[in-house]
Protein backbone atom coordinates (compact mmCIF):
# COMPACT_ATOMS: atom_id res chain seq x y z
CA MET A 1 -197.22 7.81 68.18
CA PRO A 2 -197.72 4.16 67.22
CA GLY A 3 -201.09 3.38 65.73
CA VAL A 4 -201.79 6.99 64.72
CA ARG A 5 -202.44 7.27 61.01
CA GLU A 6 -200.50 10.00 59.25
CA VAL A 7 -202.63 12.25 57.10
CA TRP A 8 -201.36 13.64 53.82
CA TRP A 9 -201.41 17.30 54.86
CA GLU A 10 -198.85 16.61 57.60
CA ARG A 11 -196.31 16.13 54.79
CA ALA A 12 -197.52 18.99 52.59
CA ARG A 13 -194.87 21.42 51.49
CA CYS A 14 -197.24 24.33 52.16
CA ARG A 15 -197.98 23.42 55.78
CA THR A 16 -195.65 26.16 57.02
CA VAL A 17 -196.54 28.74 54.36
CA ASP A 18 -198.71 31.74 55.11
CA PRO A 19 -202.20 30.64 53.97
CA ASP A 20 -202.74 34.00 52.26
CA ARG A 21 -200.13 32.93 49.70
CA LEU A 22 -202.26 29.90 48.76
CA PHE A 23 -205.48 31.88 48.47
CA ALA A 24 -204.06 34.56 46.22
CA GLU A 25 -205.68 36.05 43.14
CA GLY A 26 -204.41 36.79 39.66
CA ALA A 27 -200.72 36.45 38.89
CA ALA A 28 -199.92 35.68 42.55
CA GLN A 29 -201.53 32.28 42.01
CA ASN A 30 -198.50 31.30 39.96
CA ASP A 31 -196.33 31.76 43.05
CA ALA A 32 -198.68 29.50 45.00
CA LYS A 33 -198.58 26.89 42.25
CA ARG A 34 -194.76 26.88 42.41
CA ILE A 35 -194.98 25.84 46.07
CA CYS A 36 -196.83 22.73 44.92
CA THR A 37 -194.34 21.78 42.21
CA SER A 38 -192.14 19.52 44.33
CA CYS A 39 -194.66 18.59 47.01
CA VAL A 40 -194.79 14.85 47.75
CA VAL A 41 -198.53 14.93 48.49
CA ARG A 42 -199.57 17.06 45.54
CA THR A 43 -201.85 14.39 44.09
CA ASP A 44 -203.56 13.74 47.43
CA CYS A 45 -204.10 17.46 47.87
CA LEU A 46 -205.58 17.86 44.40
CA ALA A 47 -207.83 14.83 44.87
CA HIS A 48 -209.07 16.24 48.17
CA ALA A 49 -209.91 19.61 46.58
CA LEU A 50 -211.70 17.95 43.65
CA ASP A 51 -213.62 15.44 45.79
CA GLU A 52 -214.68 18.11 48.27
CA ARG A 53 -215.39 20.67 45.53
CA ILE A 54 -213.23 23.27 47.27
CA GLU A 55 -213.88 26.52 45.49
CA TYR A 56 -211.01 28.75 46.58
CA GLY A 57 -207.24 28.64 46.66
CA VAL A 58 -204.50 26.68 44.99
CA TRP A 59 -204.67 22.98 45.83
CA GLY A 60 -202.41 20.35 44.33
CA GLY A 61 -200.95 22.90 41.96
CA MET A 62 -204.27 23.91 40.40
CA THR A 63 -206.24 27.10 40.78
CA GLU A 64 -209.98 27.11 41.38
CA ARG A 65 -210.55 27.93 37.71
CA GLU A 66 -208.38 25.00 36.59
CA ARG A 67 -210.16 22.63 38.96
CA ARG A 68 -213.60 23.77 37.74
CA ALA A 69 -212.51 23.14 34.15
CA LEU A 70 -211.25 19.68 35.07
CA LEU A 71 -214.50 18.84 36.85
CA ARG A 72 -216.46 19.94 33.76
CA ARG A 73 -214.27 17.80 31.48
CA ARG A 74 -214.65 14.72 33.70
CA PRO A 75 -218.19 14.89 35.18
CA THR A 76 -218.48 11.13 35.68
CA VAL A 77 -215.57 10.85 38.14
CA THR A 78 -217.05 10.05 41.54
CA SER A 79 -213.77 9.78 43.45
CA TRP A 80 -210.67 11.60 42.32
CA GLN A 81 -208.71 9.97 45.13
CA ARG A 82 -209.59 6.53 43.79
CA LEU A 83 -208.91 7.57 40.20
CA PHE A 84 -205.46 8.93 41.07
CA ARG A 85 -204.58 5.90 43.24
CA THR A 86 -205.55 3.55 40.42
CA ALA A 87 -203.55 5.57 37.91
CA GLN A 88 -200.52 5.55 40.23
CA ALA A 89 -200.80 1.79 40.74
CA GLU A 90 -200.91 1.31 36.98
CA GLY A 91 -197.91 3.59 36.55
CA SER A 92 -199.76 6.13 34.43
CA LEU A 93 -199.62 8.86 37.07
CA THR A 94 -196.69 9.89 39.22
CA SER A 95 -197.20 11.91 42.36
CA ASN A 96 -196.24 15.14 40.58
CA LYS A 97 -198.28 14.76 37.37
CA GLN A 98 -201.57 16.55 36.85
CA ALA A 99 -204.81 14.97 35.68
CA SER A 100 -206.16 15.99 32.33
């Protein structure tokens, strides 16, 4: 439809995956992370999870534990979406790289 803005999750690789696979525990989280590996909206997904402080599931290729650790390491970031967009514009972050 013209004039309708596409949202990132409409292009997510996981959109057709059983949600239980993305909210797995233990070693099964590695399977969920593999789904994210070649996703074109991985960075948008991760930024969303970090900005919204989503506590459960694999988002953008990171588990909840990995996201909590990242948030602790970078407590001054107020917008992960803005940080990632700036990094992409500067060429220091591709859509499939992770923040550190």
